[in-house]
N, C-alpha and C. Protein backbone atom coordinates (compact mmCIF):
# COMPACT_ATOMS: atom_id res chain seq x y z
N UNK A 1 0.90 -0.97 -0.20
CA UNK A 1 0.00 0.01 0.08
C UNK A 1 0.90 1.14 0.06
N UNK A 2 0.39 2.31 -0.50
CA UNK A 2 1.05 3.65 -0.64
C UNK A 2 1.06 4.27 0.78
N UNK A 3 2.30 4.90 0.69
CA UNK A 3 1.98 6.10 1.94
C UNK A 3 2.30 7.29 1.61
N UNK A 4 1.56 8.11 2.40
CA UNK A 4 1.76 9.63 2.08
C UNK A 4 2.95 10.10 2.42
N UNK A 5 3.31 10.94 1.50
CA UNK A 5 4.51 11.68 1.56
C UNK A 5 4.73 12.90 2.65
N UNK A 6 5.72 13.05 3.20
CA UNK A 6 6.02 14.15 4.11
C UNK A 6 6.06 15.45 3.03
N UNK A 7 6.11 16.64 3.88
CA UNK A 7 6.43 17.88 3.27
C UNK A 7 7.71 17.64 2.27
N UNK A 8 8.73 17.61 3.05
CA UNK A 8 9.99 17.49 2.54
C UNK A 8 10.21 16.59 1.12
N UNK A 9 9.60 15.48 1.49
CA UNK A 9 9.55 14.48 0.50
C UNK A 9 8.79 14.74 -1.08
N UNK A 10 7.71 15.62 -0.84
CA UNK A 10 7.02 16.25 -1.37
C UNK A 10 7.66 17.22 -2.58
N UNK A 11 8.43 18.37 -1.78
CA UNK A 11 8.98 19.16 -2.15
C UNK A 11 10.36 18.75 -3.20
N UNK A 12 10.79 17.52 -2.73
CA UNK A 12 12.09 17.10 -3.26
C UNK A 12 11.16 16.24 -4.84
N UNK A 13 10.31 15.45 -4.56
CA UNK A 13 10.10 15.04 -5.68
C UNK A 13 9.74 15.82 -6.69
N UNK A 14 8.76 16.77 -6.45
CA UNK A 14 8.29 17.90 -7.61
C UNK A 14 9.42 18.56 -7.83
N UNK A 15 10.66 18.98 -7.19
CA UNK A 15 11.65 19.69 -7.95
C UNK A 15 12.37 18.44 -8.91
N UNK A 16 12.48 17.39 -8.48
CA UNK A 16 12.95 16.44 -9.48
C UNK A 16 11.91 16.16 -10.52
N UNK A 17 11.01 16.23 -10.53
CA UNK A 17 9.95 16.24 -11.68
C UNK A 17 10.15 17.14 -12.58
N UNK A 18 9.99 18.50 -12.06
CA UNK A 18 10.24 19.64 -12.84
C UNK A 18 11.61 20.00 -13.24
N UNK A 19 12.98 19.20 -12.93
CA UNK A 19 14.10 20.06 -13.29
C UNK A 19 14.23 20.03 -14.59
N UNK A 20 13.75 19.28 -15.67
CA UNK A 20 13.89 19.04 -16.98
C UNK A 20 13.01 19.95 -17.78
N UNK A 21 11.75 20.63 -17.21
CA UNK A 21 10.91 21.22 -17.73
C UNK A 21 11.06 22.70 -17.93
N UNK A 22 10.63 23.31 -18.87
CA UNK A 22 10.49 24.94 -19.04
C UNK A 22 9.68 25.20 -17.82
N UNK A 23 9.69 26.39 -17.61
CA UNK A 23 8.77 27.08 -16.40
C UNK A 23 7.58 26.88 -16.53
N UNK A 24 6.84 27.18 -17.90
CA UNK A 24 5.85 27.09 -18.45
C UNK A 24 5.17 25.74 -18.41
N UNK A 25 5.94 24.88 -18.44
CA UNK A 25 5.25 23.40 -18.37
C UNK A 25 5.62 22.58 -17.15
N UNK A 26 5.64 23.24 -15.94
CA UNK A 26 6.09 22.33 -14.51
C UNK A 26 4.67 22.18 -14.21
N UNK A 27 4.83 20.97 -13.35
CA UNK A 27 3.90 20.49 -12.34
C UNK A 27 3.66 21.63 -11.35
N UNK A 28 2.38 21.81 -11.07
CA UNK A 28 2.18 22.69 -9.83
C UNK A 28 1.56 21.96 -8.65
N UNK A 29 1.79 22.37 -7.41
CA UNK A 29 1.09 21.76 -6.32
C UNK A 29 -0.05 22.58 -5.97
N UNK A 30 -1.06 22.06 -5.83
CA UNK A 30 -2.44 22.62 -5.41
C UNK A 30 -3.09 21.58 -4.39
N UNK A 31 -2.49 22.20 -3.10
CA UNK A 31 -3.09 21.25 -1.57
C UNK A 31 -2.30 19.70 -1.77
N UNK A 32 -3.42 18.98 -1.86
CA UNK A 32 -2.82 17.37 -1.78
C UNK A 32 -2.93 16.99 -3.20
N UNK A 33 -2.81 17.69 -4.22
CA UNK A 33 -2.70 17.15 -5.68
C UNK A 33 -1.51 18.01 -6.39
N UNK A 34 -0.85 17.15 -7.27
CA UNK A 34 0.03 17.88 -8.37
C UNK A 34 -0.80 17.97 -9.70
N UNK A 35 -0.85 19.09 -10.37
CA UNK A 35 -1.57 19.30 -11.53
C UNK A 35 -0.61 20.00 -12.59
N UNK A 36 -1.51 19.65 -13.99
CA UNK A 36 -0.70 20.12 -15.15
C UNK A 36 -1.65 20.12 -16.10
N UNK A 37 -1.69 20.95 -17.06
CA UNK A 37 -2.25 20.93 -18.34
C UNK A 37 -1.28 20.41 -19.49
N UNK A 38 -1.68 19.47 -20.46
CA UNK A 38 -0.74 19.22 -21.26
C UNK A 38 -1.58 19.70 -22.72
N UNK A 39 -0.85 20.19 -23.67
CA UNK A 39 -1.36 20.57 -24.63
C UNK A 39 -0.79 19.77 -26.07
N UNK A 40 -1.58 19.35 -26.73
CA UNK A 40 -0.97 18.68 -28.20
C UNK A 40 -1.48 19.30 -29.30
N UNK A 41 -1.10 18.86 -30.56
CA UNK A 41 -1.37 19.35 -31.76
C UNK A 41 -2.67 19.30 -32.20
N UNK A 42 -3.41 18.01 -31.57
CA UNK A 42 -4.90 18.14 -32.02
C UNK A 42 -5.55 16.92 -31.09
N UNK A 43 -6.77 17.08 -31.28
CA UNK A 43 -7.58 15.88 -30.35
C UNK A 43 -7.06 14.53 -30.33
N UNK A 44 -6.93 14.19 -31.61
CA UNK A 44 -6.41 12.79 -31.72
C UNK A 44 -5.06 12.29 -30.98
N UNK A 45 -4.14 13.37 -30.80
CA UNK A 45 -3.02 13.13 -30.25
C UNK A 45 -3.30 13.19 -28.62
N UNK A 46 -4.10 14.14 -28.29
CA UNK A 46 -4.29 13.91 -26.95
C UNK A 46 -4.86 12.93 -26.68
N UNK A 47 -5.88 12.54 -27.23
CA UNK A 47 -6.62 11.16 -26.91
C UNK A 47 -5.81 9.89 -27.00
N UNK A 48 -4.91 10.01 -27.95
CA UNK A 48 -3.81 8.86 -28.02
C UNK A 48 -2.97 9.01 -26.82
N UNK A 49 -2.48 10.11 -26.38
CA UNK A 49 -1.74 10.18 -25.12
C UNK A 49 -2.39 9.54 -23.85
N UNK A 50 -3.87 10.01 -23.82
CA UNK A 50 -4.35 9.64 -22.91
C UNK A 50 -4.68 8.00 -22.60
N UNK A 51 -4.84 7.37 -23.87
CA UNK A 51 -4.80 5.85 -24.08
C UNK A 51 -3.75 5.42 -23.70
N UNK A 52 -2.42 5.89 -24.09
CA UNK A 52 -1.22 5.32 -23.50
C UNK A 52 -1.06 5.63 -21.78
N UNK A 53 -1.52 6.47 -21.36
CA UNK A 53 -1.26 6.73 -19.92
C UNK A 53 -2.33 5.93 -19.20
N UNK A 54 -3.26 5.47 -19.68
CA UNK A 54 -4.33 4.58 -19.15
C UNK A 54 -3.83 3.15 -18.83
N UNK A 55 -2.89 2.61 -20.10
CA UNK A 55 -2.36 1.34 -19.80
C UNK A 55 -1.40 1.47 -18.51
N UNK A 56 -0.80 2.73 -18.34
CA UNK A 56 0.32 2.64 -17.34
C UNK A 56 -0.38 2.80 -16.15
N UNK A 57 -1.47 3.63 -16.06
CA UNK A 57 -2.48 3.86 -14.84
C UNK A 57 -2.91 2.41 -14.24
N UNK A 58 -3.11 1.76 -15.24
CA UNK A 58 -3.91 0.31 -14.98
C UNK A 58 -2.51 -0.71 -14.19
N UNK A 59 -1.37 -0.71 -14.95
CA UNK A 59 -0.06 -1.16 -14.31
C UNK A 59 0.10 -0.67 -12.96
N UNK A 60 -0.11 0.74 -12.85
CA UNK A 60 0.40 1.20 -11.40
C UNK A 60 -0.76 0.92 -10.61
N UNK A 61 -2.05 0.73 -11.21
CA UNK A 61 -3.07 0.66 -10.03
C UNK A 61 -3.26 2.14 -9.60
N UNK A 62 -3.30 3.06 -10.17
CA UNK A 62 -3.21 4.39 -9.89
C UNK A 62 -3.88 5.25 -10.86
N UNK A 63 -5.12 5.88 -10.64
CA UNK A 63 -5.74 6.23 -11.88
C UNK A 63 -5.80 7.86 -11.39
N UNK A 64 -5.35 8.53 -12.66
CA UNK A 64 -5.58 10.37 -12.96
C UNK A 64 -7.17 10.68 -12.68
N UNK A 65 -7.08 11.98 -12.28
CA UNK A 65 -8.33 12.63 -12.52
C UNK A 65 -8.04 13.42 -13.62
N UNK A 66 -8.73 13.57 -14.55
CA UNK A 66 -8.32 14.34 -15.92
C UNK A 66 -9.60 14.53 -16.64
N UNK A 67 -9.29 15.79 -17.72
CA UNK A 67 -10.37 16.40 -18.08
C UNK A 67 -9.78 16.69 -19.56
N UNK A 68 -10.31 16.26 -20.69
CA UNK A 68 -10.13 16.47 -21.93
C UNK A 68 -10.99 17.41 -22.54
N UNK A 69 -10.28 18.33 -23.45
CA UNK A 69 -11.16 19.47 -24.26
C UNK A 69 -10.48 19.49 -25.33
N UNK A 70 -10.63 19.22 -26.68
CA UNK A 70 -9.95 19.39 -27.94
C UNK A 70 -8.50 18.85 -27.57
N UNK A 71 -7.62 19.74 -27.69
CA UNK A 71 -6.14 19.27 -27.71
C UNK A 71 -5.66 19.57 -26.36
N UNK A 72 -6.30 19.50 -25.27
CA UNK A 72 -6.11 20.02 -24.13
C UNK A 72 -6.20 18.81 -22.97
N UNK A 73 -5.31 18.37 -22.01
CA UNK A 73 -5.73 17.43 -20.97
C UNK A 73 -5.31 17.91 -19.77
N UNK A 74 -6.20 18.21 -18.85
CA UNK A 74 -6.08 18.72 -17.40
C UNK A 74 -5.74 17.64 -16.61
N UNK A 75 -4.51 17.65 -15.78
CA UNK A 75 -4.50 16.41 -15.00
C UNK A 75 -4.54 17.00 -13.37
N UNK A 76 -4.90 16.06 -12.73
CA UNK A 76 -4.80 16.20 -11.27
C UNK A 76 -4.54 14.84 -10.67
N UNK A 77 -3.18 14.84 -10.02
CA UNK A 77 -2.72 13.51 -9.26
C UNK A 77 -2.68 13.57 -7.83
N UNK A 78 -3.58 12.68 -7.08
CA UNK A 78 -3.36 12.46 -5.82
C UNK A 78 -3.63 10.88 -5.23
N UNK A 79 -3.08 10.30 -4.12
CA UNK A 79 -3.51 9.18 -3.71
C UNK A 79 -4.73 9.06 -2.65
N UNK A 80 -6.08 9.00 -3.08
CA UNK A 80 -7.07 8.80 -2.00
C UNK A 80 -6.91 8.19 -1.10
N UNK A 81 -6.32 7.06 -1.08
CA UNK A 81 -6.19 5.94 -0.18
C UNK A 81 -5.33 6.50 1.22
N UNK A 82 -4.53 7.55 0.72
CA UNK A 82 -3.63 8.31 1.86
C UNK A 82 -4.02 9.65 2.27
N UNK A 83 -5.20 10.07 1.74
CA UNK A 83 -5.52 11.43 1.65
C UNK A 83 -4.45 12.25 1.45
N UNK A 84 -3.47 12.40 0.21
CA UNK A 84 -2.50 13.01 -0.15
C UNK A 84 -1.69 12.51 -1.11
N UNK A 85 -0.51 13.10 -1.26
CA UNK A 85 0.43 12.66 -2.31
C UNK A 85 1.05 11.46 -1.69
N UNK A 86 1.57 10.51 -2.75
CA UNK A 86 2.31 9.54 -2.52
C UNK A 86 3.28 9.31 -3.69
N UNK A 87 4.09 8.20 -3.68
CA UNK A 87 5.09 8.02 -4.83
C UNK A 87 4.23 7.71 -5.99
N UNK A 88 3.20 7.06 -5.87
CA UNK A 88 2.25 6.75 -6.86
C UNK A 88 2.10 7.83 -7.89
N UNK A 89 1.90 9.17 -7.18
CA UNK A 89 1.43 10.19 -8.10
C UNK A 89 2.75 10.73 -9.03
N UNK A 90 3.68 10.62 -8.23
CA UNK A 90 5.09 11.04 -8.92
C UNK A 90 5.52 10.12 -10.20
N UNK A 91 5.17 8.94 -9.75
CA UNK A 91 5.67 8.05 -10.84
C UNK A 91 4.75 7.91 -12.12
N UNK A 92 3.51 8.45 -11.82
CA UNK A 92 2.64 8.31 -12.96
C UNK A 92 2.77 9.72 -13.47
N UNK A 93 3.13 10.70 -13.00
CA UNK A 93 3.62 11.75 -13.68
C UNK A 93 4.80 11.66 -14.56
N UNK A 94 5.79 11.00 -14.11
CA UNK A 94 7.07 10.75 -14.73
C UNK A 94 6.43 9.79 -16.17
N UNK A 95 5.66 9.03 -16.07
CA UNK A 95 5.25 8.56 -17.35
C UNK A 95 4.52 9.30 -18.18
N UNK A 96 3.87 10.26 -17.73
CA UNK A 96 2.95 11.22 -18.58
C UNK A 96 4.20 12.13 -19.21
N UNK A 97 5.24 12.36 -18.58
CA UNK A 97 6.16 13.32 -19.12
C UNK A 97 6.87 12.61 -20.38
N UNK A 98 7.30 11.37 -19.85
CA UNK A 98 8.11 10.38 -20.88
C UNK A 98 7.23 9.98 -22.06
N UNK A 99 5.83 9.96 -22.10
CA UNK A 99 5.02 9.46 -23.43
C UNK A 99 4.60 10.66 -23.92
N UNK A 100 4.90 12.01 -23.60
CA UNK A 100 4.57 13.23 -24.01
C UNK A 100 4.71 13.40 -25.49
């Protein structure tokens, strides 16, 4: 089972996740969630990316909160079982970046 991360662990994981991203493409912390909006060239690319991530979400047994309109996908990650952020959120965020 996942464990809730401490504030220092969250800060470290978020810094690591954002280390190679441009300032306008970084993940943000919003309370007990990390959030990001991904923008693609078209709806089909956005939907295709979501399909790839859905496979990883199933493998990790950790599912995103997301919302898609045309070429944008708004993502919020949190671990409901621990009422906060866990390593699962950052693992899934890394997969999202890798397959972008």
